[in-house]
C-alpha atoms as a PDB file:
ATOM      1  CA  MET A   1      -1.804  17.143  29.172  1.00  0.00           C
ATOM      2  CA  THR A   2      -5.313  15.875  29.627  1.00  0.00           C
ATOM      3  CA  SER A   3      -6.581  14.939  33.063  1.00  0.00           C
ATOM      4  CA  SER A   4      -7.856  11.595  31.730  1.00  0.00           C
ATOM      5  CA  THR A   5      -4.321  10.492  30.963  1.00  0.00           C
ATOM      6  CA  GLU A   6      -2.936  11.849  34.196  1.00  0.00           C
ATOM      7  CA  SER A   7      -5.497   9.894  36.188  1.00  0.00           C
ATOM      8  CA  SER A   8      -4.662   6.696  34.346  1.00  0.00           C
ATOM      9  CA  VAL A   9      -0.941   6.858  35.184  1.00  0.00           C
ATOM     10  CA  GLU A  10       0.293   5.764  38.593  1.00  0.00           C
ATOM     11  CA  ALA A  11       2.651   7.891  40.657  1.00  0.00           C
ATOM     12  CA  VAL A  12       6.323   6.974  40.265  1.00  0.00           C
ATOM     13  CA  PRO A  13       7.518   5.202  43.438  1.00  0.00           C
ATOM     14  CA  VAL A  14      10.073   7.158  45.479  1.00  0.00           C
ATOM     15  CA  GLY A  15      13.604   6.285  44.410  1.00  0.00           C
ATOM     16  CA  ALA A  16      12.552   4.534  41.215  1.00  0.00           C
ATOM     17  CA  ARG A  17      14.200   5.534  37.951  1.00  0.00           C
ATOM     18  CA  VAL A  18      12.163   6.175  34.825  1.00  0.00           C
ATOM     19  CA  PRO A  19      13.525   5.534  31.314  1.00  0.00           C
ATOM     20  CA  ASP A  20      15.745   8.191  29.821  1.00  0.00           C
ATOM     21  CA  PHE A  21      14.856   7.184  26.268  1.00  0.00           C
ATOM     22  CA  PHE A  22      12.434   5.108  24.215  1.00  0.00           C
ATOM     23  CA  ILE A  23      12.836   3.422  20.849  1.00  0.00           C
ATOM     24  CA  ALA A  24       9.232   4.054  19.881  1.00  0.00           C
ATOM     25  CA  GLY A  25       9.029   2.315  16.505  1.00  0.00           C
ATOM     26  CA  HIS A  26       8.248   1.234  13.848  1.00  0.00           C
ATOM     27  CA  SER A  27       8.465  -2.558  13.650  1.00  0.00           C
ATOM     28  CA  LYS A  28      10.488  -4.051  10.766  1.00  0.00           C
ATOM     29  CA  CYS A  29      12.561  -0.880  10.568  1.00  0.00           C
ATOM     30  CA  GLY A  30      15.649  -1.965  12.483  1.00  0.00           C
ATOM     31  CA  THR A  31      14.332  -1.483  16.016  1.00  0.00           C
ATOM     32  CA  SER A  32      15.522  -4.943  17.128  1.00  0.00           C
ATOM     33  CA  ALA A  33      19.019  -4.379  15.780  1.00  0.00           C
ATOM     34  CA  LEU A  34      19.203  -0.910  17.330  1.00  0.00           C
ATOM     35  CA  TYR A  35      18.010  -2.295  20.670  1.00  0.00           C
ATOM     36  CA  LEU A  36      20.731  -4.948  20.647  1.00  0.00           C
ATOM     37  CA  MET A  37      23.436  -2.509  19.579  1.00  0.00           C
ATOM     38  CA  LEU A  38      22.553   0.089  22.198  1.00  0.00           C
ATOM     39  CA  ARG A  39      22.192  -2.596  24.853  1.00  0.00           C
ATOM     40  CA  SER A  40      25.836  -3.553  24.318  1.00  0.00           C
ATOM     41  CA  HIS A  41      27.037  -0.040  25.191  1.00  0.00           C
ATOM     42  CA  PRO A  42      28.523   0.136  28.714  1.00  0.00           C
ATOM     43  CA  GLN A  43      26.734   3.403  29.512  1.00  0.00           C
ATOM     44  CA  ILE A  44      23.306   2.112  28.522  1.00  0.00           C
ATOM     45  CA  PHE A  45      20.965  -0.322  30.252  1.00  0.00           C
ATOM     46  CA  MET A  46      18.006  -1.852  28.460  1.00  0.00           C
ATOM     47  CA  PRO A  47      15.993  -4.722  29.971  1.00  0.00           C
ATOM     48  CA  GLY A  48      15.897  -8.242  28.589  1.00  0.00           C
ATOM     49  CA  ILE A  49      12.236  -7.794  27.635  1.00  0.00           C
ATOM     50  CA  LYS A  50      12.622  -5.910  24.375  1.00  0.00           C
ATOM     51  CA  GLU A  51       9.003  -4.753  24.076  1.00  0.00           C
ATOM     52  CA  PRO A  52       7.373  -3.986  27.436  1.00  0.00           C
ATOM     53  CA  ARG A  53       4.564  -2.050  25.636  1.00  0.00           C
ATOM     54  CA  PHE A  54       3.533  -0.685  29.009  1.00  0.00           C
ATOM     55  CA  PHE A  55       2.478   2.737  27.697  1.00  0.00           C
ATOM     56  CA  ALA A  56       0.320   1.293  24.899  1.00  0.00           C
ATOM     57  CA  PRO A  57      -2.164  -0.869  26.837  1.00  0.00           C
ATOM     58  CA  GLU A  58      -4.590  -0.843  23.913  1.00  0.00           C
ATOM     59  CA  LEU A  59      -1.948  -2.685  21.882  1.00  0.00           C
ATOM     60  CA  ARG A  60      -1.113  -5.296  24.486  1.00  0.00           C
ATOM     61  CA  SER A  61      -2.011  -8.952  24.017  1.00  0.00           C
ATOM     62  CA  ARG A  62      -5.632  -9.869  24.609  1.00  0.00           C
ATOM     63  CA  PHE A  63      -4.342 -13.240  25.855  1.00  0.00           C
ATOM     64  CA  ARG A  64      -2.322 -11.833  28.754  1.00  0.00           C
ATOM     65  CA  GLY A  65      -1.987 -14.427  31.451  1.00  0.00           C
ATOM     66  CA  THR A  66      -2.697 -17.292  29.068  1.00  0.00           C
ATOM     67  CA  ASP A  67       0.072 -17.086  26.471  1.00  0.00           C
ATOM     68  CA  GLY A  68       3.153 -16.783  28.644  1.00  0.00           C
ATOM     69  CA  ASP A  69       3.237 -12.982  28.353  1.00  0.00           C
ATOM     70  CA  ILE A  70       5.357 -11.755  31.272  1.00  0.00           C
ATOM     71  CA  ARG A  71       5.139  -8.041  30.485  1.00  0.00           C
ATOM     72  CA  PRO A  72       4.247  -6.033  33.602  1.00  0.00           C
ATOM     73  CA  ASP A  73       0.841  -4.405  33.949  1.00  0.00           C
ATOM     74  CA  THR A  74       1.676  -2.003  36.788  1.00  0.00           C
ATOM     75  CA  LEU A  75       4.018   0.975  36.821  1.00  0.00           C
ATOM     76  CA  GLU A  76       5.875  -0.521  39.776  1.00  0.00           C
ATOM     77  CA  GLY A  77       6.396  -3.770  37.877  1.00  0.00           C
ATOM     78  CA  TYR A  78       7.429  -1.874  34.758  1.00  0.00           C
ATOM     79  CA  LEU A  79       9.994   0.265  36.560  1.00  0.00           C
ATOM     80  CA  ALA A  80      11.362  -2.866  38.235  1.00  0.00           C
ATOM     81  CA  LEU A  81      12.646  -3.889  34.791  1.00  0.00           C
ATOM     82  CA  PHE A  82      15.241  -1.131  35.100  1.00  0.00           C
ATOM     83  CA  ALA A  83      16.266  -1.786  38.702  1.00  0.00           C
ATOM     84  CA  PRO A  84      19.431  -3.726  37.703  1.00  0.00           C
ATOM     85  CA  ALA A  85      20.857  -0.649  35.930  1.00  0.00           C
ATOM     86  CA  GLU A  86      24.054   0.755  37.403  1.00  0.00           C
ATOM     87  CA  SER A  87      24.151   4.324  38.684  1.00  0.00           C
ATOM     88  CA  GLY A  88      26.292   5.546  35.796  1.00  0.00           C
ATOM     89  CA  GLN A  89      24.053   4.117  33.080  1.00  0.00           C
ATOM     90  CA  ILE A  90      21.159   5.725  31.288  1.00  0.00           C
ATOM     91  CA  ILE A  91      18.139   3.461  30.854  1.00  0.00           C
ATOM     92  CA  GLY A  92      15.815   2.901  27.949  1.00  0.00           C
ATOM     93  CA  GLU A  93      13.451   0.475  26.308  1.00  0.00           C
ATOM     94  CA  ALA A  94      12.182  -0.423  22.844  1.00  0.00           C
ATOM     95  CA  SER A  95       8.467  -0.854  22.126  1.00  0.00           C
ATOM     96  CA  PRO A  96       7.686  -0.316  18.432  1.00  0.00           C
ATOM     97  CA  SER A  97       3.960  -0.144  19.175  1.00  0.00           C
ATOM     98  CA  TYR A  98       4.394   3.235  20.908  1.00  0.00           C
ATOM     99  CA  LEU A  99       4.647   5.129  17.635  1.00  0.00           C
ATOM    100  CA  ARG A 100       1.397   3.634  16.387  1.00  0.00           C
ATOM    101  CA  SER A 101      -0.428   4.042  19.704  1.00  0.00           C
ATOM    102  CA  ARG A 102      -2.733   7.030  20.002  1.00  0.00           C
ATOM    103  CA  THR A 103      -2.075   7.343  23.744  1.00  0.00           C
ATOM    104  CA  ALA A 104       1.539   6.244  24.339  1.00  0.00           C
ATOM    105  CA  ALA A 105       3.156   9.658  23.778  1.00  0.00           C
ATOM    106  CA  GLU A 106       0.970  11.300  26.382  1.00  0.00           C
ATOM    107  CA  ARG A 107       1.325   8.416  28.819  1.00  0.00           C
ATOM    108  CA  ILE A 108       5.115   8.429  28.491  1.00  0.00           C
ATOM    109  CA  ALA A 109       5.266  12.210  29.000  1.00  0.00           C
ATOM    110  CA  ALA A 110       3.237  11.890  32.205  1.00  0.00           C
ATOM    111  CA  VAL A 111       5.926   9.627  33.707  1.00  0.00           C
ATOM    112  CA  ALA A 112       9.105  10.663  31.871  1.00  0.00           C
ATOM    113  CA  PRO A 113       8.657  14.235  30.559  1.00  0.00           C
ATOM    114  CA  ASP A 114      12.392  14.647  29.882  1.00  0.00           C
ATOM    115  CA  ALA A 115      12.755  11.407  27.927  1.00  0.00           C
ATOM    116  CA  ARG A 116      14.241  11.210  24.459  1.00  0.00           C
ATOM    117  CA  ILE A 117      12.333   9.500  21.686  1.00  0.00           C
ATOM    118  CA  ILE A 118      13.752   7.563  18.741  1.00  0.00           C
ATOM    119  CA  ALA A 119      11.590   6.700  15.728  1.00  0.00           C
ATOM    120  CA  ILE A 120      12.615   4.777  12.617  1.00  0.00           C
ATOM    121  CA  LEU A 121      10.563   5.079   9.429  1.00  0.00           C
ATOM    122  CA  ARG A 122      10.618   2.937   6.297  1.00  0.00           C
ATOM    123  CA  GLU A 123       9.256   3.255   2.775  1.00  0.00           C
ATOM    124  CA  PRO A 124       5.549   2.369   3.233  1.00  0.00           C
ATOM    125  CA  ALA A 125       5.093  -0.418   0.665  1.00  0.00           C
ATOM    126  CA  SER A 126       8.185  -2.378   1.707  1.00  0.00           C
ATOM    127  CA  PHE A 127       7.326  -1.745   5.344  1.00  0.00           C
ATOM    128  CA  LEU A 128       3.826  -3.203   4.994  1.00  0.00           C
ATOM    129  CA  ARG A 129       5.108  -6.204   3.042  1.00  0.00           C
ATOM    130  CA  SER A 130       7.688  -6.966   5.730  1.00  0.00           C
ATOM    131  CA  PHE A 131       5.258  -6.310   8.562  1.00  0.00           C
ATOM    132  CA  HIS A 132       2.662  -8.626   7.025  1.00  0.00           C
ATOM    133  CA  LEU A 133       5.243 -11.396   6.814  1.00  0.00           C
ATOM    134  CA  GLN A 134       6.233 -10.817  10.439  1.00  0.00           C
ATOM    135  CA  SER A 135       2.567 -10.952  11.447  1.00  0.00           C
ATOM    136  CA  LEU A 136       2.244 -14.350   9.785  1.00  0.00           C
ATOM    137  CA  HIS A 137       5.247 -15.604  11.715  1.00  0.00           C
ATOM    138  CA  ASN A 138       3.836 -14.219  14.969  1.00  0.00           C
ATOM    139  CA  HIS A 139       0.423 -15.864  14.373  1.00  0.00           C
ATOM    140  CA  VAL A 140      -1.227 -12.441  14.375  1.00  0.00           C
ATOM    141  CA  GLU A 141      -2.162 -12.875  10.709  1.00  0.00           C
ATOM    142  CA  THR A 142      -3.392 -16.016   8.949  1.00  0.00           C
ATOM    143  CA  GLU A 143      -4.039 -14.590   5.472  1.00  0.00           C
ATOM    144  CA  PRO A 144      -0.846 -15.308   3.484  1.00  0.00           C
ATOM    145  CA  ASP A 145      -1.728 -13.014   0.580  1.00  0.00           C
ATOM    146  CA  LEU A 146      -0.896  -9.390   1.371  1.00  0.00           C
ATOM    147  CA  ARG A 147      -3.449  -7.979  -1.075  1.00  0.00           C
ATOM    148  CA  ARG A 148      -6.219 -10.033   0.493  1.00  0.00           C
ATOM    149  CA  ALA A 149      -5.037  -9.093   3.992  1.00  0.00           C
ATOM    150  CA  LEU A 150      -5.296  -5.421   3.065  1.00  0.00           C
ATOM    151  CA  GLU A 151      -8.760  -5.952   1.611  1.00  0.00           C
ATOM    152  CA  LEU A 152      -9.879  -7.530   4.892  1.00  0.00           C
ATOM    153  CA  GLU A 153      -9.151  -4.368   6.844  1.00  0.00           C
ATOM    154  CA  PRO A 154     -12.739  -2.962   6.812  1.00  0.00           C
ATOM    155  CA  GLU A 155     -14.043  -6.326   8.035  1.00  0.00           C
ATOM    156  CA  ARG A 156     -11.464  -6.457  10.782  1.00  0.00           C
ATOM    157  CA  ARG A 157     -12.071  -2.876  11.811  1.00  0.00           C
ATOM    158  CA  ALA A 158     -15.654  -3.968  12.450  1.00  0.00           C
ATOM    159  CA  GLY A 159     -14.411  -6.860  14.579  1.00  0.00           C
ATOM    160  CA  ARG A 160     -14.920  -9.599  12.012  1.00  0.00           C
ATOM    161  CA  SER A 161     -12.506 -12.007  10.269  1.00  0.00           C
ATOM    162  CA  ILE A 162     -10.091 -11.824  13.225  1.00  0.00           C
ATOM    163  CA  PRO A 163      -7.883 -14.933  13.461  1.00  0.00           C
ATOM    164  CA  SER A 164      -8.347 -16.784  16.750  1.00  0.00           C
ATOM    165  CA  THR A 165      -4.565 -16.700  17.262  1.00  0.00           C
ATOM    166  CA  SER A 166      -4.302 -12.934  16.780  1.00  0.00           C
ATOM    167  CA  HIS A 167      -3.258 -11.608  20.165  1.00  0.00           C
ATOM    168  CA  VAL A 168      -3.433  -7.942  19.064  1.00  0.00           C
ATOM    169  CA  PRO A 169      -6.219  -7.583  16.458  1.00  0.00           C
ATOM    170  CA  ALA A 170      -5.471  -3.862  16.001  1.00  0.00           C
ATOM    171  CA  THR A 171      -2.200  -4.925  14.389  1.00  0.00           C
ATOM    172  CA  LEU A 172      -4.211  -6.131  11.382  1.00  0.00           C
ATOM    173  CA  LEU A 173      -5.366  -2.597  10.575  1.00  0.00           C
ATOM    174  CA  TYR A 174      -2.472  -2.052   8.213  1.00  0.00           C
ATOM    175  CA  SER A 175      -3.390   1.457   7.087  1.00  0.00           C
ATOM    176  CA  ASP A 176      -3.111   2.673  10.691  1.00  0.00           C
ATOM    177  CA  HIS A 177       0.609   1.901  10.611  1.00  0.00           C
ATOM    178  CA  VAL A 178       1.393   4.295   7.764  1.00  0.00           C
ATOM    179  CA  ARG A 179       0.339   7.587   9.300  1.00  0.00           C
ATOM    180  CA  TYR A 180       3.850   8.793   9.874  1.00  0.00           C
ATOM    181  CA  VAL A 181       3.286  12.536  10.212  1.00  0.00           C
ATOM    182  CA  GLU A 182       0.313  12.086  12.543  1.00  0.00           C
ATOM    183  CA  GLN A 183       2.332   9.681  14.683  1.00  0.00           C
ATOM    184  CA  LEU A 184       5.315  12.010  14.932  1.00  0.00           C
ATOM    185  CA  ARG A 185       3.111  14.957  15.813  1.00  0.00           C
ATOM    186  CA  ARG A 186       1.663  13.106  18.796  1.00  0.00           C
ATOM    187  CA  PHE A 187       5.173  12.932  20.265  1.00  0.00           C
ATOM    188  CA  GLU A 188       6.033  16.482  19.178  1.00  0.00           C
ATOM    189  CA  GLU A 189       3.031  17.720  21.162  1.00  0.00           C
ATOM    190  CA  GLN A 190       4.481  16.146  24.307  1.00  0.00           C
ATOM    191  CA  PHE A 191       8.257  16.491  23.936  1.00  0.00           C
ATOM    192  CA  PRO A 192      10.639  19.200  22.686  1.00  0.00           C
ATOM    193  CA  ARG A 193      11.659  18.670  19.074  1.00  0.00           C
ATOM    194  CA  GLU A 194      15.296  18.370  20.148  1.00  0.00           C
ATOM    195  CA  HIS A 195      14.306  15.342  22.238  1.00  0.00           C
ATOM    196  CA  ILE A 196      12.970  13.477  19.196  1.00  0.00           C
ATOM    197  CA  LEU A 197      15.259  11.748  16.720  1.00  0.00           C
ATOM    198  CA  VAL A 198      13.721  10.456  13.490  1.00  0.00           C
ATOM    199  CA  LEU A 199      15.815   7.943  11.587  1.00  0.00           C
ATOM    200  CA  ILE A 200      15.251   6.595   8.098  1.00  0.00           C
ATOM    201  CA  TYR A 201      15.580   2.841   7.648  1.00  0.00           C
ATOM    202  CA  ASP A 202      17.621   3.244   4.444  1.00  0.00           C
ATOM    203  CA  ASP A 203      20.299   5.166   6.342  1.00  0.00           C
ATOM    204  CA  PHE A 204      20.338   2.591   9.123  1.00  0.00           C
ATOM    205  CA  ARG A 205      20.890  -0.189   6.602  1.00  0.00           C
ATOM    206  CA  ALA A 206      23.434   1.612   4.425  1.00  0.00           C
ATOM    207  CA  GLN A 207      25.383   3.405   7.174  1.00  0.00           C
ATOM    208  CA  ASN A 208      24.695   1.223  10.176  1.00  0.00           C
ATOM    209  CA  GLU A 209      27.584   2.167  12.443  1.00  0.00           C
ATOM    210  CA  ALA A 210      27.424   5.879  11.597  1.00  0.00           C
ATOM    211  CA  THR A 211      23.686   5.918  12.337  1.00  0.00           C
ATOM    212  CA  VAL A 212      24.167   4.190  15.695  1.00  0.00           C
ATOM    213  CA  ARG A 213      26.877   6.686  16.628  1.00  0.00           C
ATOM    214  CA  ARG A 214      24.450   9.460  15.759  1.00  0.00           C
ATOM    215  CA  VAL A 215      22.001   7.872  18.209  1.00  0.00           C
ATOM    216  CA  LEU A 216      24.701   7.703  20.884  1.00  0.00           C
ATOM    217  CA  ARG A 217      25.391  11.423  20.472  1.00  0.00           C
ATOM    218  CA  PHE A 218      21.657  12.097  20.695  1.00  0.00           C
ATOM    219  CA  LEU A 219      21.575  10.151  23.971  1.00  0.00           C
ATOM    220  CA  GLU A 220      24.669  12.050  25.176  1.00  0.00           C
ATOM    221  CA  VAL A 221      26.795   8.977  25.859  1.00  0.00           C
ATOM    222  CA  ASP A 222      30.248   8.095  24.559  1.00  0.00           C
ATOM    223  CA  ASP A 223      29.897   7.758  20.783  1.00  0.00           C
ATOM    224  CA  THR A 224      33.440   6.428  20.373  1.00  0.00           C
ATOM    225  CA  ALA A 225      32.793   3.153  22.220  1.00  0.00           C
ATOM    226  CA  PRO A 226      32.890  -0.042  20.114  1.00  0.00           C
ATOM    227  CA  VAL A 227      29.582  -0.701  18.346  1.00  0.00           C
ATOM    228  CA  ALA A 228      28.454  -4.329  18.170  1.00  0.00           C
ATOM    229  CA  GLN A 229      27.382  -5.281  14.660  1.00  0.00           C
ATOM    230  CA  VAL A 230      23.984  -6.973  14.559  1.00  0.00           C
ATOM    231  CA  GLU A 231      22.316  -8.612  11.572  1.00  0.00           C
ATOM    232  CA  THR A 232      18.727  -9.653  12.192  1.00  0.00           C
ATOM    233  CA  GLU A 233      17.289 -12.737  10.528  1.00  0.00           C
ATOM    234  CA  THR A 234      15.518 -12.441   7.176  1.00  0.00           C
ATOM    235  CA  LEU A 235      12.100 -14.033   7.405  1.00  0.00           C
ATOM    236  CA  GLY A 236      10.973 -16.640   4.916  1.00  0.00           C
ATOM    237  CA  SER A 237       7.463 -17.485   3.842  1.00  0.00           C
ATOM    238  CA  VAL A 238       5.220 -19.761   5.900  1.00  0.00           C
ATOM    239  CA  ARG A 239       5.138 -22.952   3.834  1.00  0.00           C
ATOM    240  CA  SER A 240       2.637 -24.782   6.043  1.00  0.00           C
ATOM    241  CA  PRO A 241       0.261 -22.626   8.147  1.00  0.00           C
ATOM    242  CA  ARG A 242      -1.096 -25.751   9.845  1.00  0.00           C
ATOM    243  CA  MET A 243       2.343 -26.905  10.999  1.00  0.00           C
ATOM    244  CA  HIS A 244       3.173 -23.330  11.915  1.00  0.00           C
ATOM    245  CA  ARG A 245       0.178 -23.217  14.272  1.00  0.00           C
ATOM    246  CA  LEU A 246       1.182 -26.590  15.700  1.00  0.00           C
ATOM    247  CA  ALA A 247       4.681 -25.286  16.380  1.00  0.00           C
ATOM    248  CA  ARG A 248       3.196 -22.341  18.262  1.00  0.00           C
ATOM    249  CA  ARG A 249       1.046 -24.593  20.447  1.00  0.00           C
ATOM    250  CA  LEU A 250       4.027 -26.796  21.240  1.00  0.00           C
ATOM    251  CA  ARG A 251       6.160 -23.773  22.191  1.00  0.00           C
ATOM    252  CA  MET A 252       3.375 -22.543  24.457  1.00  0.00           C
ATOM    253  CA  ALA A 253       3.134 -25.968  26.093  1.00  0.00           C
ATOM    254  CA  GLU A 254       6.869 -25.955  26.690  1.00  0.00           C
ATOM    255  CA  ARG A 255       7.062 -22.389  28.057  1.00  0.00           C
ATOM    256  CA  ASN A 256       3.802 -22.306  29.977  1.00  0.00           C
ATOM    257  CA  PRO A 257       2.192 -25.739  30.457  1.00  0.00           C
ATOM    258  CA  GLY A 258      -0.670 -24.295  32.462  1.00  0.00           C
ATOM    259  CA  ALA A 259      -1.680 -21.971  29.618  1.00  0.00           C
ATOM    260  CA  ALA A 260      -1.506 -24.539  26.824  1.00  0.00           C
ATOM    261  CA  GLY A 261      -4.440 -26.723  25.918  1.00  0.00           C
ATOM    262  CA  ALA A 262      -4.565 -30.375  26.962  1.00  0.00           C
ATOM    263  CA  PRO A 263      -3.955 -31.685  23.388  1.00  0.00           C
ATOM    264  CA  ALA A 264      -0.819 -29.563  22.998  1.00  0.00           C
ATOM    265  CA  ARG A 265       0.491 -30.659  26.398  1.00  0.00           C
ATOM    266  CA  ALA A 266      -0.176 -34.300  25.569  1.00  0.00           C
ATOM    267  CA  LEU A 267       1.511 -34.039  22.174  1.00  0.00           C
ATOM    268  CA  GLY A 268       4.508 -32.241  23.642  1.00  0.00           C
ATOM    269  CA  ALA A 269       4.889 -34.886  26.343  1.00  0.00           C
ATOM    270  CA  ALA A 270       4.598 -37.674  23.784  1.00  0.00           C
ATOM    271  CA  LEU A 271       7.377 -36.392  21.529  1.00  0.00           C
ATOM    272  CA  PRO A 272      10.500 -38.520  21.925  1.00  0.00           C
ATOM    273  CA  ALA A 273      13.758 -36.834  22.863  1.00  0.00           C
ATOM    274  CA  THR A 274      15.100 -37.421  19.335  1.00  0.00           C
ATOM    275  CA  LEU A 275      12.501 -34.996  18.004  1.00  0.00           C
ATOM    276  CA  ARG A 276      13.458 -32.277  20.455  1.00  0.00           C
ATOM    277  CA  GLY A 277      17.072 -31.815  19.362  1.00  0.00           C
ATOM    278  CA  GLU A 278      18.514 -29.052  17.195  1.00  0.00           C
ATOM    279  CA  ARG A 279      18.704 -31.290  14.103  1.00  0.00           C
ATOM    280  CA  ALA A 280      15.031 -32.207  14.430  1.00  0.00           C
ATOM    281  CA  ARG A 281      14.099 -28.564  14.922  1.00  0.00           C
ATOM    282  CA  GLY A 282      16.067 -27.671  11.796  1.00  0.00           C
ATOM    283  CA  LEU A 283      14.181 -30.239   9.749  1.00  0.00           C
ATOM    284  CA  PHE A 284      10.908 -28.994  11.170  1.00  0.00           C
ATOM    285  CA  ARG A 285      11.754 -25.379  10.299  1.00  0.00           C
ATOM    286  CA  ARG A 286      12.512 -26.365   6.708  1.00  0.00           C
ATOM    287  CA  ALA A 287       9.156 -28.109   6.511  1.00  0.00           C
ATOM    288  CA  VAL A 288       7.288 -25.109   7.938  1.00  0.00           C
ATOM    289  CA  TYR A 289       9.141 -22.254   6.235  1.00  0.00           C
ATOM    290  CA  GLY A 290      10.161 -21.594   2.667  1.00  0.00           C
ATOM    291  CA  GLY A 291      12.269 -18.893   1.057  1.00  0.00           C
ATOM    292  CA  PRO A 292      11.256 -15.235   1.073  1.00  0.00           C
ATOM    293  CA  PRO A 293       7.968 -14.784  -0.824  1.00  0.00           C
ATOM    294  CA  GLN A 294       8.004 -13.190  -4.242  1.00  0.00           C
ATOM    295  CA  GLU A 295       7.150  -9.513  -4.314  1.00  0.00           C
ATOM    296  CA  ASP A 296       4.016  -8.549  -6.227  1.00  0.00           C
ATOM    297  CA  PRO A 297       5.222  -5.582  -8.346  1.00  0.00           C
ATOM    298  CA  GLU A 298       1.681  -4.525  -9.231  1.00  0.00           C
ATOM    299  CA  LEU A 299       0.589  -4.424  -5.591  1.00  0.00           C
ATOM    300  CA  MET A 300       3.733  -2.598  -4.521  1.00  0.00           C
ATOM    301  CA  ASP A 301       3.142   0.024  -7.206  1.00  0.00           C
ATOM    302  CA  GLU A 302      -0.483   0.406  -6.042  1.00  0.00           C
ATOM    303  CA  LEU A 303       0.641   0.876  -2.453  1.00  0.00           C
ATOM    304  CA  ARG A 304       3.209   3.492  -3.406  1.00  0.00           C
ATOM    305  CA  ARG A 305       0.588   5.438  -5.320  1.00  0.00           C
ATOM    306  CA  ARG A 306      -1.741   5.141  -2.342  1.00  0.00           C
ATOM    307  CA  TYR A 307       0.862   6.426   0.112  1.00  0.00           C
ATOM    308  CA  ARG A 308       2.476   9.063  -2.087  1.00  0.00           C
ATOM    309  CA  PRO A 309       0.615  11.895  -0.261  1.00  0.00           C
ATOM    310  CA  GLU A 310       1.899  10.568   3.063  1.00  0.00           C
ATOM    311  CA  VAL A 311       5.472  10.451   1.770  1.00  0.00           C
ATOM    312  CA  GLN A 312       5.166  13.975   0.383  1.00  0.00           C
ATOM    313  CA  ALA A 313       3.845  15.220   3.741  1.00  0.00           C
ATOM    314  CA  LEU A 314       6.614  13.428   5.609  1.00  0.00           C
ATOM    315  CA  SER A 315       9.239  14.909   3.315  1.00  0.00           C
ATOM    316  CA  GLN A 316       7.974  18.367   4.125  1.00  0.00           C
ATOM    317  CA  HIS A 317       7.690  17.589   7.833  1.00  0.00           C
ATOM    318  CA  LEU A 318      11.272  16.314   8.089  1.00  0.00           C
ATOM    319  CA  ASP A 319      12.660  18.719   5.479  1.00  0.00           C
ATOM    320  CA  ARG A 320      14.128  15.783   3.550  1.00  0.00           C
ATOM    321  CA  ASP A 321      13.323  14.582   0.034  1.00  0.00           C
ATOM    322  CA  LEU A 322      11.984  11.109   0.792  1.00  0.00           C
ATOM    323  CA  VAL A 323       9.933  11.238  -2.414  1.00  0.00           C
ATOM    324  CA  ALA A 324      13.155  10.898  -4.405  1.00  0.00           C
ATOM    325  CA  LEU A 325      14.908   8.615  -1.915  1.00  0.00           C
ATOM    326  CA  TRP A 326      12.067   6.094  -2.029  1.00  0.00           C
ATOM    327  CA  GLY A 327      11.444   6.434  -5.777  1.00  0.00           C
ATOM    328  CA  TYR A 328       8.019   8.018  -5.500  1.00  0.00           C
ATOM    329  CA  ASP A 329       9.048  10.617  -8.077  1.00  0.00           C
ATOM    330  CA  ARG A 330       9.198   7.825 -10.664  1.00  0.00           C
ATOM    331  CA  LEU A 331       5.609   6.653 -10.212  1.00  0.00           C
ATOM    332  CA  GLY A 332       4.309   8.877 -12.996  1.00  0.00           C
END
């Protein structure tokens, strides 16, 4: 382990517990559902903050302190998230940015060298399409067309064409997300292979309970306990980006009045109670969001051709034929 990383990690306070496992990523691959399902197990404690992102500081929000972000910045604050765990529980957390981070694996190993790592991987084209849609919903991305968003990557890598609402600009570098073998190797350099579990999103979707029980065995807890079934929400398209941005400002004003701008605070205060109810919010959501966007078959085919070498390398790395599973053998 390099001395630069060691010097950047604080000493673990005496008596504090460090996580026993990490759901390291990727986003849009079932990490939220897995977090919720594991959190319901009586032998497992996971904090209410799903994504602390503590070990990937380069992928933390650039608006910390102004956007209501309550994620801890110190090791003591981070470990305090796990203080409520009971003595018989193992503890873990889920930060999908860790897999993409170039430093998280080493940082985690410096604090929790015996930890177990869980990664979930998804077919690249469908992953990027889903991640782009999530980025629009999270106000990280403002370009609604996936092709155009991908074309903007060189500009954004140079620090240009970054949306003002994008709290983590590095998220917009889409090609950096699909470097699966490189990402896994960073963790394999720090942890024994038997401490790393790589799941495939297709299996998690098709055999949800069986996959979760496999995770429970990996974590060495009771795999016969009832497994809570979780179905995460399918995102629709953003029908009105302008109203979507307004909704974000109003939520910020409600959660953190001191961080919101004066216009947002004034508008929020001026809204009558009738516009704050669940029925009004439902009408607003229908105005802002539409159905799931149509897939662009030509773009998806282009992406699969682009990432075929990565899928072939991953197949070899995991000793599993993902080329056939994901249909890359039918590209011609």
